[in-house]
C-alpha atoms as a PDB file:
ATOM      1  CA  UNK A   1      63.163  26.411   3.085  1.00  0.00           C
ATOM      2  CA  UNK A   2      60.427  24.933   0.815  1.00  0.00           C
ATOM      3  CA  UNK A   3      63.147  23.722  -1.651  1.00  0.00           C
ATOM      4  CA  UNK A   4      65.049  22.063   1.163  1.00  0.00           C
ATOM      5  CA  UNK A   5      61.928  20.255   2.241  1.00  0.00           C
ATOM      6  CA  UNK A   6      61.301  19.137  -1.299  1.00  0.00           C
ATOM      7  CA  UNK A   7      64.893  17.843  -1.639  1.00  0.00           C
ATOM      8  CA  UNK A   8      64.497  15.920   1.631  1.00  0.00           C
ATOM      9  CA  UNK A   9      61.231  14.282   0.498  1.00  0.00           C
ATOM     10  CA  UNK A  10      62.691  13.434  -2.953  1.00  0.00           C
ATOM     11  CA  UNK A  11      65.835  12.087  -1.312  1.00  0.00           C
ATOM     12  CA  UNK A  12      63.764   9.763   0.873  1.00  0.00           C
ATOM     13  CA  UNK A  13      61.252   8.711  -1.747  1.00  0.00           C
ATOM     14  CA  UNK A  14      63.445   6.678  -4.090  1.00  0.00           C
ATOM     15  CA  UNK A  15      65.436   4.785  -1.348  1.00  0.00           C
ATOM     16  CA  UNK A  16      62.138   3.977   0.434  1.00  0.00           C
ATOM     17  CA  UNK A  17      60.591   2.620  -2.744  1.00  0.00           C
ATOM     18  CA  UNK A  18      63.577   0.430  -3.339  1.00  0.00           C
ATOM     19  CA  UNK A  19      63.581  -0.721   0.262  1.00  0.00           C
ATOM     20  CA  UNK A  20      59.861  -1.682   0.238  1.00  0.00           C
ATOM     21  CA  UNK A  21      60.319  -3.375  -3.148  1.00  0.00           C
ATOM     22  CA  UNK A  22      63.218  -5.501  -1.849  1.00  0.00           C
ATOM     23  CA  UNK A  23      61.356  -6.295   1.372  1.00  0.00           C
ATOM     24  CA  UNK A  24      58.367  -7.400  -0.729  1.00  0.00           C
ATOM     25  CA  UNK A  25      60.634  -9.555  -2.832  1.00  0.00           C
ATOM     26  CA  UNK A  26      62.127 -11.095   0.298  1.00  0.00           C
ATOM     27  CA  UNK A  27      58.635 -11.906   1.689  1.00  0.00           C
ATOM     28  CA  UNK A  28      57.650 -13.419  -1.658  1.00  0.00           C
ATOM     29  CA  UNK A  29      60.763 -15.570  -1.790  1.00  0.00           C
ATOM     30  CA  UNK A  30      60.221 -16.782   1.737  1.00  0.00           C
ATOM     31  CA  UNK A  31      56.530 -17.554   1.494  1.00  0.00           C
ATOM     32  CA  UNK A  32      56.367 -18.497  -2.172  1.00  0.00           C
ATOM     33  CA  UNK A  33      59.460 -20.674  -1.780  1.00  0.00           C
ATOM     34  CA  UNK A  34      57.839 -22.622   1.078  1.00  0.00           C
ATOM     35  CA  UNK A  35      54.604 -23.005  -0.882  1.00  0.00           C
ATOM     36  CA  UNK A  36      56.528 -24.192  -3.930  1.00  0.00           C
ATOM     37  CA  UNK A  37      58.438 -26.728  -1.811  1.00  0.00           C
ATOM     38  CA  UNK A  38      55.172 -28.045  -0.301  1.00  0.00           C
ATOM     39  CA  UNK A  39      53.580 -28.183  -3.831  1.00  0.00           C
ATOM     40  CA  UNK A  40      50.817 -25.710  -2.904  1.00  0.00           C
ATOM     41  CA  UNK A  41      51.800 -23.682  -6.018  1.00  0.00           C
ATOM     42  CA  UNK A  42      53.777 -24.629  -9.042  1.00  0.00           C
ATOM     43  CA  UNK A  43      57.298 -23.264  -9.743  1.00  0.00           C
ATOM     44  CA  UNK A  44      55.845 -21.458 -12.797  1.00  0.00           C
ATOM     45  CA  UNK A  45      53.376 -19.605 -10.582  1.00  0.00           C
ATOM     46  CA  UNK A  46      56.209 -18.733  -8.256  1.00  0.00           C
ATOM     47  CA  UNK A  47      58.403 -17.265 -11.049  1.00  0.00           C
ATOM     48  CA  UNK A  48      55.477 -15.438 -12.631  1.00  0.00           C
ATOM     49  CA  UNK A  49      54.529 -13.722  -9.373  1.00  0.00           C
ATOM     50  CA  UNK A  50      58.115 -12.486  -8.837  1.00  0.00           C
ATOM     51  CA  UNK A  51      58.063 -11.128 -12.471  1.00  0.00           C
ATOM     52  CA  UNK A  52      54.795  -9.346 -11.866  1.00  0.00           C
ATOM     53  CA  UNK A  53      56.152  -7.803  -8.734  1.00  0.00           C
ATOM     54  CA  UNK A  54      59.219  -6.473 -10.631  1.00  0.00           C
ATOM     55  CA  UNK A  55      56.976  -5.141 -13.348  1.00  0.00           C
ATOM     56  CA  UNK A  56      54.938  -3.110 -10.827  1.00  0.00           C
ATOM     57  CA  UNK A  57      57.968  -1.438  -9.223  1.00  0.00           C
ATOM     58  CA  UNK A  58      58.859   1.114 -11.939  1.00  0.00           C
ATOM     59  CA  UNK A  59      55.262   2.129 -12.688  1.00  0.00           C
ATOM     60  CA  UNK A  60      54.701   2.883  -9.006  1.00  0.00           C
ATOM     61  CA  UNK A  61      57.895   5.029  -8.869  1.00  0.00           C
ATOM     62  CA  UNK A  62      56.933   6.787 -12.086  1.00  0.00           C
ATOM     63  CA  UNK A  63      53.502   7.666 -10.663  1.00  0.00           C
ATOM     64  CA  UNK A  64      55.175   9.324  -7.723  1.00  0.00           C
ATOM     65  CA  UNK A  65      57.586  11.160 -10.076  1.00  0.00           C
ATOM     66  CA  UNK A  66      54.713  12.378 -12.264  1.00  0.00           C
ATOM     67  CA  UNK A  67      52.715  13.482  -9.158  1.00  0.00           C
ATOM     68  CA  UNK A  68      55.739  15.489  -8.046  1.00  0.00           C
ATOM     69  CA  UNK A  69      56.098  17.202 -11.499  1.00  0.00           C
ATOM     70  CA  UNK A  70      52.351  18.070 -11.490  1.00  0.00           C
ATOM     71  CA  UNK A  71      52.588  19.665  -8.008  1.00  0.00           C
ATOM     72  CA  UNK A  72      55.690  21.628  -8.948  1.00  0.00           C
ATOM     73  CA  UNK A  73      54.084  22.780 -12.187  1.00  0.00           C
ATOM     74  CA  UNK A  74      50.973  23.851 -10.305  1.00  0.00           C
ATOM     75  CA  UNK A  75      53.059  25.936  -7.850  1.00  0.00           C
ATOM     76  CA  UNK A  76      54.916  27.580 -10.764  1.00  0.00           C
ATOM     77  CA  UNK A  77      51.690  28.435 -12.496  1.00  0.00           C
ATOM     78  CA  UNK A  78      50.395  30.067  -9.332  1.00  0.00           C
ATOM     79  CA  UNK A  79      53.469  32.233  -9.127  1.00  0.00           C
ATOM     80  CA  UNK A  80      53.237  33.178 -12.828  1.00  0.00           C
ATOM     81  CA  UNK A  81      49.551  33.985 -12.424  1.00  0.00           C
ATOM     82  CA  UNK A  82      50.317  36.296  -9.486  1.00  0.00           C
ATOM     83  CA  UNK A  83      52.789  38.164 -11.694  1.00  0.00           C
ATOM     84  CA  UNK A  84      50.229  38.436 -14.524  1.00  0.00           C
ATOM     85  CA  UNK A  85      47.613  39.675 -12.156  1.00  0.00           C
ATOM     86  CA  UNK A  86      49.850  42.382 -10.695  1.00  0.00           C
ATOM     87  CA  UNK A  87      48.786  45.882 -11.710  1.00  0.00           C
ATOM     88  CA  UNK A  88      51.759  48.033 -12.897  1.00  0.00           C
ATOM     89  CA  UNK A  89      52.400  51.257 -10.874  1.00  0.00           C
ATOM     90  CA  UNK A  90      52.877  53.148 -14.109  1.00  0.00           C
ATOM     91  CA  UNK A  91      49.465  53.559 -15.731  1.00  0.00           C
ATOM     92  CA  UNK A  92      49.317  54.419 -19.447  1.00  0.00           C
ATOM     93  CA  UNK A  93      46.482  56.564 -20.811  1.00  0.00           C
ATOM     94  CA  UNK A  94      44.484  54.550 -23.317  1.00  0.00           C
ATOM     95  CA  UNK A  95      44.104  56.016 -26.841  1.00  0.00           C
ATOM     96  CA  UNK A  96      46.751  58.757 -26.123  1.00  0.00           C
ATOM     97  CA  UNK A  97      47.530  60.577 -29.344  1.00  0.00           C
ATOM     98  CA  UNK A  98      50.902  59.936 -30.939  1.00  0.00           C
ATOM     99  CA  UNK A  99      52.972  63.157 -31.146  1.00  0.00           C
ATOM    100  CA  UNK A 100      54.103  64.168 -34.622  1.00  0.00           C
ATOM    101  CA  UNK A 101      57.656  64.965 -33.657  1.00  0.00           C
ATOM    102  CA  UNK A 102      59.131  65.532 -30.274  1.00  0.00           C
ATOM    103  CA  UNK A 103      61.757  68.336 -30.193  1.00  0.00           C
ATOM    104  CA  UNK A 104      62.990  67.891 -26.664  1.00  0.00           C
ATOM    105  CA  UNK A 105      61.848  70.769 -24.446  1.00  0.00           C
ATOM    106  CA  UNK A 106      61.508  69.581 -20.846  1.00  0.00           C
ATOM    107  CA  UNK A 107      59.852  71.382 -17.952  1.00  0.00           C
ATOM    108  CA  UNK A 108      59.529  70.437 -14.287  1.00  0.00           C
ATOM    109  CA  UNK A 109      56.733  72.268 -12.445  1.00  0.00           C
ATOM    110  CA  UNK A 110      56.466  71.834  -8.684  1.00  0.00           C
ATOM    111  CA  UNK A 111      57.611  68.224  -8.948  1.00  0.00           C
ATOM    112  CA  UNK A 112      57.540  66.188  -5.728  1.00  0.00           C
ATOM    113  CA  UNK A 113      58.235  62.455  -5.456  1.00  0.00           C
ATOM    114  CA  UNK A 114      58.115  59.813  -2.691  1.00  0.00           C
ATOM    115  CA  UNK A 115      58.787  56.079  -3.185  1.00  0.00           C
ATOM    116  CA  UNK A 116      56.040  55.227  -0.668  1.00  0.00           C
ATOM    117  CA  UNK A 117      52.929  57.161   0.057  1.00  0.00           C
ATOM    118  CA  UNK A 118      53.762  57.898   3.742  1.00  0.00           C
ATOM    119  CA  UNK A 119      57.528  58.234   3.282  1.00  0.00           C
ATOM    120  CA  UNK A 120      59.223  61.687   3.332  1.00  0.00           C
ATOM    121  CA  UNK A 121      59.670  63.099  -0.172  1.00  0.00           C
ATOM    122  CA  UNK A 122      62.845  62.286  -2.041  1.00  0.00           C
ATOM    123  CA  UNK A 123      62.318  65.337  -4.249  1.00  0.00           C
ATOM    124  CA  UNK A 124      60.426  68.492  -3.284  1.00  0.00           C
ATOM    125  CA  UNK A 125      59.153  71.345  -5.406  1.00  0.00           C
ATOM    126  CA  UNK A 126      61.606  70.968  -8.322  1.00  0.00           C
ATOM    127  CA  UNK A 127      61.144  73.667 -10.978  1.00  0.00           C
ATOM    128  CA  UNK A 128      63.084  74.272 -14.160  1.00  0.00           C
ATOM    129  CA  UNK A 129      62.618  74.644 -17.894  1.00  0.00           C
ATOM    130  CA  UNK A 130      65.090  73.151 -20.313  1.00  0.00           C
ATOM    131  CA  UNK A 131      64.842  74.427 -23.852  1.00  0.00           C
ATOM    132  CA  UNK A 132      65.467  72.195 -26.870  1.00  0.00           C
ATOM    133  CA  UNK A 133      69.202  71.757 -27.480  1.00  0.00           C
ATOM    134  CA  UNK A 134      70.203  72.847 -23.983  1.00  0.00           C
ATOM    135  CA  UNK A 135      72.341  70.984 -21.471  1.00  0.00           C
ATOM    136  CA  UNK A 136      71.362  70.760 -17.739  1.00  0.00           C
ATOM    137  CA  UNK A 137      73.787  69.586 -15.128  1.00  0.00           C
ATOM    138  CA  UNK A 138      72.630  68.088 -11.827  1.00  0.00           C
ATOM    139  CA  UNK A 139      75.010  67.805  -8.890  1.00  0.00           C
ATOM    140  CA  UNK A 140      74.749  67.081  -5.195  1.00  0.00           C
ATOM    141  CA  UNK A 141      75.838  64.673  -2.493  1.00  0.00           C
ATOM    142  CA  UNK A 142      74.981  61.015  -2.633  1.00  0.00           C
ATOM    143  CA  UNK A 143      71.301  60.421  -1.807  1.00  0.00           C
ATOM    144  CA  UNK A 144      70.256  63.977  -2.820  1.00  0.00           C
ATOM    145  CA  UNK A 145      67.913  62.667  -5.509  1.00  0.00           C
ATOM    146  CA  UNK A 146      69.877  63.025  -8.761  1.00  0.00           C
ATOM    147  CA  UNK A 147      69.188  59.520 -10.112  1.00  0.00           C
ATOM    148  CA  UNK A 148      65.510  59.671  -8.991  1.00  0.00           C
ATOM    149  CA  UNK A 149      65.031  62.916 -10.902  1.00  0.00           C
ATOM    150  CA  UNK A 150      66.275  61.281 -14.110  1.00  0.00           C
ATOM    151  CA  UNK A 151      64.026  58.254 -13.608  1.00  0.00           C
ATOM    152  CA  UNK A 152      60.956  60.532 -13.533  1.00  0.00           C
ATOM    153  CA  UNK A 153      61.393  61.667 -17.117  1.00  0.00           C
ATOM    154  CA  UNK A 154      60.997  58.266 -18.894  1.00  0.00           C
ATOM    155  CA  UNK A 155      58.420  57.385 -16.226  1.00  0.00           C
ATOM    156  CA  UNK A 156      60.359  54.637 -14.604  1.00  0.00           C
ATOM    157  CA  UNK A 157      58.794  56.221 -11.576  1.00  0.00           C
ATOM    158  CA  UNK A 158      55.812  58.590 -11.542  1.00  0.00           C
ATOM    159  CA  UNK A 159      55.668  61.925  -9.806  1.00  0.00           C
ATOM    160  CA  UNK A 160      53.527  62.195  -6.648  1.00  0.00           C
ATOM    161  CA  UNK A 161      53.056  65.894  -7.057  1.00  0.00           C
ATOM    162  CA  UNK A 162      53.455  68.519  -9.726  1.00  0.00           C
ATOM    163  CA  UNK A 163      54.033  67.706 -13.398  1.00  0.00           C
ATOM    164  CA  UNK A 164      56.744  67.084 -15.997  1.00  0.00           C
ATOM    165  CA  UNK A 165      56.144  68.130 -19.577  1.00  0.00           C
ATOM    166  CA  UNK A 166      57.934  67.336 -22.850  1.00  0.00           C
ATOM    167  CA  UNK A 167      57.174  69.888 -25.608  1.00  0.00           C
ATOM    168  CA  UNK A 168      54.446  71.289 -23.273  1.00  0.00           C
ATOM    169  CA  UNK A 169      52.668  67.881 -23.083  1.00  0.00           C
ATOM    170  CA  UNK A 170      52.331  66.249 -19.701  1.00  0.00           C
ATOM    171  CA  UNK A 171      54.260  62.918 -19.951  1.00  0.00           C
ATOM    172  CA  UNK A 172      51.410  61.144 -18.134  1.00  0.00           C
ATOM    173  CA  UNK A 173      49.231  61.874 -21.154  1.00  0.00           C
ATOM    174  CA  UNK A 174      51.696  60.268 -23.546  1.00  0.00           C
ATOM    175  CA  UNK A 175      52.083  56.572 -24.516  1.00  0.00           C
ATOM    176  CA  UNK A 176      55.065  55.046 -22.764  1.00  0.00           C
ATOM    177  CA  UNK A 177      56.502  53.753 -26.060  1.00  0.00           C
ATOM    178  CA  UNK A 178      56.278  57.203 -27.643  1.00  0.00           C
ATOM    179  CA  UNK A 179      57.901  58.836 -24.652  1.00  0.00           C
ATOM    180  CA  UNK A 180      60.751  56.300 -24.171  1.00  0.00           C
ATOM    181  CA  UNK A 181      61.384  56.066 -27.840  1.00  0.00           C
ATOM    182  CA  UNK A 182      62.760  59.626 -27.945  1.00  0.00           C
ATOM    183  CA  UNK A 183      64.970  59.167 -24.849  1.00  0.00           C
ATOM    184  CA  UNK A 184      68.424  57.880 -24.703  1.00  0.00           C
ATOM    185  CA  UNK A 185      69.249  56.707 -21.161  1.00  0.00           C
ATOM    186  CA  UNK A 186      72.748  55.972 -19.849  1.00  0.00           C
ATOM    187  CA  UNK A 187      72.429  54.370 -16.425  1.00  0.00           C
ATOM    188  CA  UNK A 188      74.814  54.862 -13.549  1.00  0.00           C
ATOM    189  CA  UNK A 189      76.134  51.320 -13.746  1.00  0.00           C
ATOM    190  CA  UNK A 190      76.515  50.210 -17.379  1.00  0.00           C
ATOM    191  CA  UNK A 191      75.211  46.689 -17.963  1.00  0.00           C
ATOM    192  CA  UNK A 192      76.322  44.539 -20.896  1.00  0.00           C
ATOM    193  CA  UNK A 193      74.794  41.225 -21.882  1.00  0.00           C
ATOM    194  CA  UNK A 194      76.733  38.113 -22.800  1.00  0.00           C
ATOM    195  CA  UNK A 195      77.045  38.474 -26.555  1.00  0.00           C
ATOM    196  CA  UNK A 196      78.765  40.564 -29.167  1.00  0.00           C
ATOM    197  CA  UNK A 197      79.461  44.258 -29.008  1.00  0.00           C
ATOM    198  CA  UNK A 198      77.072  44.683 -31.989  1.00  0.00           C
ATOM    199  CA  UNK A 199      74.198  43.092 -30.088  1.00  0.00           C
ATOM    200  CA  UNK A 200      74.993  45.083 -26.971  1.00  0.00           C
ATOM    201  CA  UNK A 201      74.771  48.379 -28.918  1.00  0.00           C
ATOM    202  CA  UNK A 202      71.780  47.505 -31.115  1.00  0.00           C
ATOM    203  CA  UNK A 203      69.823  45.395 -28.614  1.00  0.00           C
ATOM    204  CA  UNK A 204      69.468  42.775 -31.343  1.00  0.00           C
ATOM    205  CA  UNK A 205      67.661  45.143 -33.754  1.00  0.00           C
ATOM    206  CA  UNK A 206      68.394  45.219 -37.380  1.00  0.00           C
ATOM    207  CA  UNK A 207      70.598  48.356 -37.646  1.00  0.00           C
ATOM    208  CA  UNK A 208      72.549  49.094 -40.777  1.00  0.00           C
ATOM    209  CA  UNK A 209      76.355  49.137 -40.599  1.00  0.00           C
ATOM    210  CA  UNK A 210      76.711  52.845 -41.284  1.00  0.00           C
ATOM    211  CA  UNK A 211      74.384  53.869 -38.506  1.00  0.00           C
ATOM    212  CA  UNK A 212      76.218  51.507 -36.136  1.00  0.00           C
ATOM    213  CA  UNK A 213      79.620  52.915 -37.085  1.00  0.00           C
ATOM    214  CA  UNK A 214      78.344  56.508 -36.690  1.00  0.00           C
ATOM    215  CA  UNK A 215      77.066  55.756 -33.241  1.00  0.00           C
ATOM    216  CA  UNK A 216      80.391  54.136 -32.264  1.00  0.00           C
ATOM    217  CA  UNK A 217      82.322  57.174 -33.595  1.00  0.00           C
ATOM    218  CA  UNK A 218      80.008  59.585 -31.721  1.00  0.00           C
ATOM    219  CA  UNK A 219      80.736  57.648 -28.538  1.00  0.00           C
ATOM    220  CA  UNK A 220      84.542  57.768 -29.265  1.00  0.00           C
ATOM    221  CA  UNK A 221      84.394  53.972 -29.376  1.00  0.00           C
ATOM    222  CA  UNK A 222      85.140  53.117 -33.084  1.00  0.00           C
ATOM    223  CA  UNK A 223      88.927  53.129 -32.851  1.00  0.00           C
ATOM    224  CA  UNK A 224      88.763  50.799 -29.835  1.00  0.00           C
ATOM    225  CA  UNK A 225      86.415  48.354 -31.666  1.00  0.00           C
ATOM    226  CA  UNK A 226      88.717  48.367 -34.721  1.00  0.00           C
ATOM    227  CA  UNK A 227      91.591  47.264 -32.438  1.00  0.00           C
ATOM    228  CA  UNK A 228      89.671  44.058 -31.627  1.00  0.00           C
ATOM    229  CA  UNK A 229      90.217  41.167 -33.992  1.00  0.00           C
ATOM    230  CA  UNK A 230      86.512  40.509 -34.523  1.00  0.00           C
ATOM    231  CA  UNK A 231      85.495  44.139 -34.442  1.00  0.00           C
ATOM    232  CA  UNK A 232      81.774  44.619 -33.695  1.00  0.00           C
ATOM    233  CA  UNK A 233      81.402  40.838 -33.507  1.00  0.00           C
ATOM    234  CA  UNK A 234      83.779  40.599 -30.514  1.00  0.00           C
ATOM    235  CA  UNK A 235      82.064  38.564 -27.798  1.00  0.00           C
ATOM    236  CA  UNK A 236      82.027  40.040 -24.302  1.00  0.00           C
ATOM    237  CA  UNK A 237      80.912  38.266 -21.224  1.00  0.00           C
ATOM    238  CA  UNK A 238      78.001  39.274 -19.046  1.00  0.00           C
ATOM    239  CA  UNK A 239      78.632  42.743 -17.526  1.00  0.00           C
ATOM    240  CA  UNK A 240      81.476  43.165 -20.041  1.00  0.00           C
ATOM    241  CA  UNK A 241      84.075  41.450 -17.986  1.00  0.00           C
ATOM    242  CA  UNK A 242      86.645  41.577 -20.810  1.00  0.00           C
ATOM    243  CA  UNK A 243      86.310  45.391 -21.152  1.00  0.00           C
ATOM    244  CA  UNK A 244      87.551  48.284 -19.151  1.00  0.00           C
ATOM    245  CA  UNK A 245      85.251  50.606 -17.283  1.00  0.00           C
ATOM    246  CA  UNK A 246      85.688  53.364 -19.873  1.00  0.00           C
ATOM    247  CA  UNK A 247      84.950  50.947 -22.774  1.00  0.00           C
ATOM    248  CA  UNK A 248      81.779  49.640 -21.119  1.00  0.00           C
ATOM    249  CA  UNK A 249      80.579  53.233 -20.451  1.00  0.00           C
ATOM    250  CA  UNK A 250      81.156  54.213 -24.073  1.00  0.00           C
ATOM    251  CA  UNK A 251      79.314  51.122 -25.374  1.00  0.00           C
ATOM    252  CA  UNK A 252      76.326  52.179 -23.279  1.00  0.00           C
ATOM    253  CA  UNK A 253      76.625  55.734 -24.667  1.00  0.00           C
ATOM    254  CA  UNK A 254      76.695  54.305 -28.212  1.00  0.00           C
ATOM    255  CA  UNK A 255      73.589  52.295 -27.337  1.00  0.00           C
ATOM    256  CA  UNK A 256      71.826  55.491 -26.272  1.00  0.00           C
ATOM    257  CA  UNK A 257      72.913  57.358 -29.406  1.00  0.00           C
ATOM    258  CA  UNK A 258      72.154  54.598 -31.956  1.00  0.00           C
ATOM    259  CA  UNK A 259      68.625  55.946 -32.690  1.00  0.00           C
ATOM    260  CA  UNK A 260      69.757  59.653 -32.482  1.00  0.00           C
ATOM    261  CA  UNK A 261      67.155  60.526 -29.764  1.00  0.00           C
ATOM    262  CA  UNK A 262      66.367  64.209 -29.181  1.00  0.00           C
ATOM    263  CA  UNK A 263      66.604  63.696 -25.403  1.00  0.00           C
ATOM    264  CA  UNK A 264      69.642  62.213 -23.684  1.00  0.00           C
ATOM    265  CA  UNK A 265      69.769  61.344 -19.949  1.00  0.00           C
ATOM    266  CA  UNK A 266      73.161  60.547 -18.467  1.00  0.00           C
ATOM    267  CA  UNK A 267      73.417  59.259 -14.860  1.00  0.00           C
ATOM    268  CA  UNK A 268      76.906  59.720 -13.628  1.00  0.00           C
ATOM    269  CA  UNK A 269      78.607  58.789 -16.925  1.00  0.00           C
ATOM    270  CA  UNK A 270      82.169  59.190 -15.547  1.00  0.00           C
ATOM    271  CA  UNK A 271      81.620  57.933 -12.027  1.00  0.00           C
ATOM    272  CA  UNK A 272      83.574  54.689 -12.502  1.00  0.00           C
ATOM    273  CA  UNK A 273      86.368  55.571 -14.825  1.00  0.00           C
ATOM    274  CA  UNK A 274      89.784  57.186 -14.474  1.00  0.00           C
ATOM    275  CA  UNK A 275      90.515  60.841 -15.191  1.00  0.00           C
ATOM    276  CA  UNK A 276      91.796  60.338 -18.725  1.00  0.00           C
ATOM    277  CA  UNK A 277      88.861  58.193 -19.743  1.00  0.00           C
ATOM    278  CA  UNK A 278      86.528  60.648 -18.043  1.00  0.00           C
ATOM    279  CA  UNK A 279      87.956  63.482 -20.154  1.00  0.00           C
ATOM    280  CA  UNK A 280      87.338  61.386 -23.362  1.00  0.00           C
ATOM    281  CA  UNK A 281      83.712  60.673 -22.328  1.00  0.00           C
ATOM    282  CA  UNK A 282      83.057  64.324 -21.519  1.00  0.00           C
ATOM    283  CA  UNK A 283      84.406  65.341 -24.911  1.00  0.00           C
ATOM    284  CA  UNK A 284      82.127  62.723 -26.414  1.00  0.00           C
ATOM    285  CA  UNK A 285      79.088  64.255 -24.632  1.00  0.00           C
ATOM    286  CA  UNK A 286      80.019  67.751 -25.721  1.00  0.00           C
ATOM    287  CA  UNK A 287      80.340  66.617 -29.349  1.00  0.00           C
ATOM    288  CA  UNK A 288      76.801  65.132 -29.444  1.00  0.00           C
ATOM    289  CA  UNK A 289      75.247  67.953 -27.391  1.00  0.00           C
ATOM    290  CA  UNK A 290      74.411  70.040 -30.478  1.00  0.00           C
ATOM    291  CA  UNK A 291      70.677  69.820 -31.180  1.00  0.00           C
ATOM    292  CA  UNK A 292      69.940  67.469 -28.358  1.00  0.00           C
ATOM    293  CA  UNK A 293      68.346  68.144 -24.962  1.00  0.00           C
ATOM    294  CA  UNK A 294      70.765  66.655 -22.419  1.00  0.00           C
ATOM    295  CA  UNK A 295      70.516  66.167 -18.648  1.00  0.00           C
ATOM    296  CA  UNK A 296      73.676  65.008 -16.894  1.00  0.00           C
ATOM    297  CA  UNK A 297      73.630  63.934 -13.223  1.00  0.00           C
ATOM    298  CA  UNK A 298      77.076  63.545 -11.672  1.00  0.00           C
ATOM    299  CA  UNK A 299      78.917  64.142  -8.456  1.00  0.00           C
ATOM    300  CA  UNK A 300      82.128  64.756 -10.525  1.00  0.00           C
ATOM    301  CA  UNK A 301      81.813  68.348 -11.615  1.00  0.00           C
ATOM    302  CA  UNK A 302      83.967  68.197 -14.793  1.00  0.00           C
ATOM    303  CA  UNK A 303      81.063  66.189 -16.367  1.00  0.00           C
ATOM    304  CA  UNK A 304      78.635  69.137 -15.919  1.00  0.00           C
ATOM    305  CA  UNK A 305      80.589  72.332 -15.766  1.00  0.00           C
ATOM    306  CA  UNK A 306      80.086  73.073 -19.527  1.00  0.00           C
ATOM    307  CA  UNK A 307      76.301  72.830 -19.076  1.00  0.00           C
ATOM    308  CA  UNK A 308      74.069  75.769 -19.913  1.00  0.00           C
ATOM    309  CA  UNK A 309      72.543  75.559 -16.442  1.00  0.00           C
ATOM    310  CA  UNK A 310      73.432  73.609 -13.364  1.00  0.00           C
ATOM    311  CA  UNK A 311      71.265  72.863 -10.332  1.00  0.00           C
ATOM    312  CA  UNK A 312      72.549  71.597  -7.021  1.00  0.00           C
ATOM    313  CA  UNK A 313      70.258  69.183  -5.062  1.00  0.00           C
ATOM    314  CA  UNK A 314      70.378  69.059  -1.326  1.00  0.00           C
ATOM    315  CA  UNK A 315      67.942  66.727   0.477  1.00  0.00           C
ATOM    316  CA  UNK A 316      65.737  66.605  -2.604  1.00  0.00           C
ATOM    317  CA  UNK A 317      65.520  70.375  -3.024  1.00  0.00           C
ATOM    318  CA  UNK A 318      67.259  72.821  -5.352  1.00  0.00           C
ATOM    319  CA  UNK A 319      69.843  74.561  -3.188  1.00  0.00           C
ATOM    320  CA  UNK A 320      71.806  76.424  -5.897  1.00  0.00           C
ATOM    321  CA  UNK A 321      71.199  77.110  -9.630  1.00  0.00           C
ATOM    322  CA  UNK A 322      73.174  78.819 -12.341  1.00  0.00           C
ATOM    323  CA  UNK A 323      76.129  78.533 -14.705  1.00  0.00           C
ATOM    324  CA  UNK A 324      79.505  77.214 -13.671  1.00  0.00           C
ATOM    325  CA  UNK A 325      80.914  80.723 -13.192  1.00  0.00           C
ATOM    326  CA  UNK A 326      77.836  81.924 -11.316  1.00  0.00           C
ATOM    327  CA  UNK A 327      77.946  79.025  -8.919  1.00  0.00           C
ATOM    328  CA  UNK A 328      81.679  79.498  -8.349  1.00  0.00           C
ATOM    329  CA  UNK A 329      80.913  83.097  -7.399  1.00  0.00           C
ATOM    330  CA  UNK A 330      78.225  81.941  -4.886  1.00  0.00           C
ATOM    331  CA  UNK A 331      80.919  80.153  -2.906  1.00  0.00           C
ATOM    332  CA  UNK A 332      78.475  77.426  -1.894  1.00  0.00           C
ATOM    333  CA  UNK A 333      78.418  73.613  -2.247  1.00  0.00           C
ATOM    334  CA  UNK A 334      79.385  73.711  -5.915  1.00  0.00           C
ATOM    335  CA  UNK A 335      82.358  76.020  -5.425  1.00  0.00           C
ATOM    336  CA  UNK A 336      83.672  74.068  -2.467  1.00  0.00           C
ATOM    337  CA  UNK A 337      83.277  70.730  -4.261  1.00  0.00           C
ATOM    338  CA  UNK A 338      84.952  72.179  -7.389  1.00  0.00           C
ATOM    339  CA  UNK A 339      87.903  73.345  -5.316  1.00  0.00           C
ATOM    340  CA  UNK A 340      88.284  69.965  -3.613  1.00  0.00           C
ATOM    341  CA  UNK A 341      88.061  67.954  -6.812  1.00  0.00           C
ATOM    342  CA  UNK A 342      90.454  70.258  -8.651  1.00  0.00           C
ATOM    343  CA  UNK A 343      92.921  69.819  -5.842  1.00  0.00           C
ATOM    344  CA  UNK A 344      92.556  65.975  -5.993  1.00  0.00           C
ATOM    345  CA  UNK A 345      93.176  66.062  -9.776  1.00  0.00           C
ATOM    346  CA  UNK A 346      96.317  68.229  -9.294  1.00  0.00           C
ATOM    347  CA  UNK A 347      97.668  65.876  -6.605  1.00  0.00           C
ATOM    348  CA  UNK A 348      97.119  62.812  -8.753  1.00  0.00           C
ATOM    349  CA  UNK A 349      99.002  64.445 -11.663  1.00  0.00           C
ATOM    350  CA  UNK A 350     101.897  65.431  -9.362  1.00  0.00           C
ATOM    351  CA  UNK A 351     102.147  61.754  -8.201  1.00  0.00           C
END
């Protein structure tokens, strides 16, 4: 609404200035012409006055234009200042010690989380210990809190109750850079920037070619990149519009693996790809699982059934927990969902 008002004022300003200028010129011609005819002023005075009037027109318009720029700049500075003055929700402990080497053990102890103070909790009393090199699968219906749980580990959001520890150190006592530097995060919706595949994987950092190739191979992406004429220098549009869903997903996985982090968080890595591509991505995850602590959240059970432990979230609480075989034996949500998804895969193959 404010921009529309500005456009209206600006649209009126220049025509009005021209109108008043021409009206003034008409008055000068009428009155000055009569005085010139009656010899009250000389023709030279008459011409000079018209010239002075024309010289004043553009400086007056420029003053209005500069005033408009100053006002718009002042409004922009106010908005920027409000952003600078905003206190971040995630508070970092000053002078926190830098850990020597993070191995990757993760523990949730009585973790509770709400997005707003008076809202009902999204997660309630979450407890588990994930040893270094283990794989944890998280499943549940949409809105059960899978993505929120993953966001708590790199402190994209902060717990409202309980604690999360990495290598027995509360993550709130760690520097954000130290914590996030050891975490590879694959989001639910892969986002690619307008640029080359190389820049999308490395985030513009100076990464040597061997490391880049190894990350691409680990993400089962290298053969695909070699098929492109420009290889790693192939330009993709914003959101990777020239790539398939599986290719975009594997680029994001390569991005997460480029620094070989000890902790890998995967949020629904096969949620937007076909069955064949999903199988390739799952095999990729299994190949890099050795020595890494991995948490996979997915509503498609093939992505997590190989995990060392699986938890089922229901309304933000752990409803079931165990290995794939143990959860099948429970005949609960996991077993029923596994049966339905297996039937859907069989039907699609028959078709």
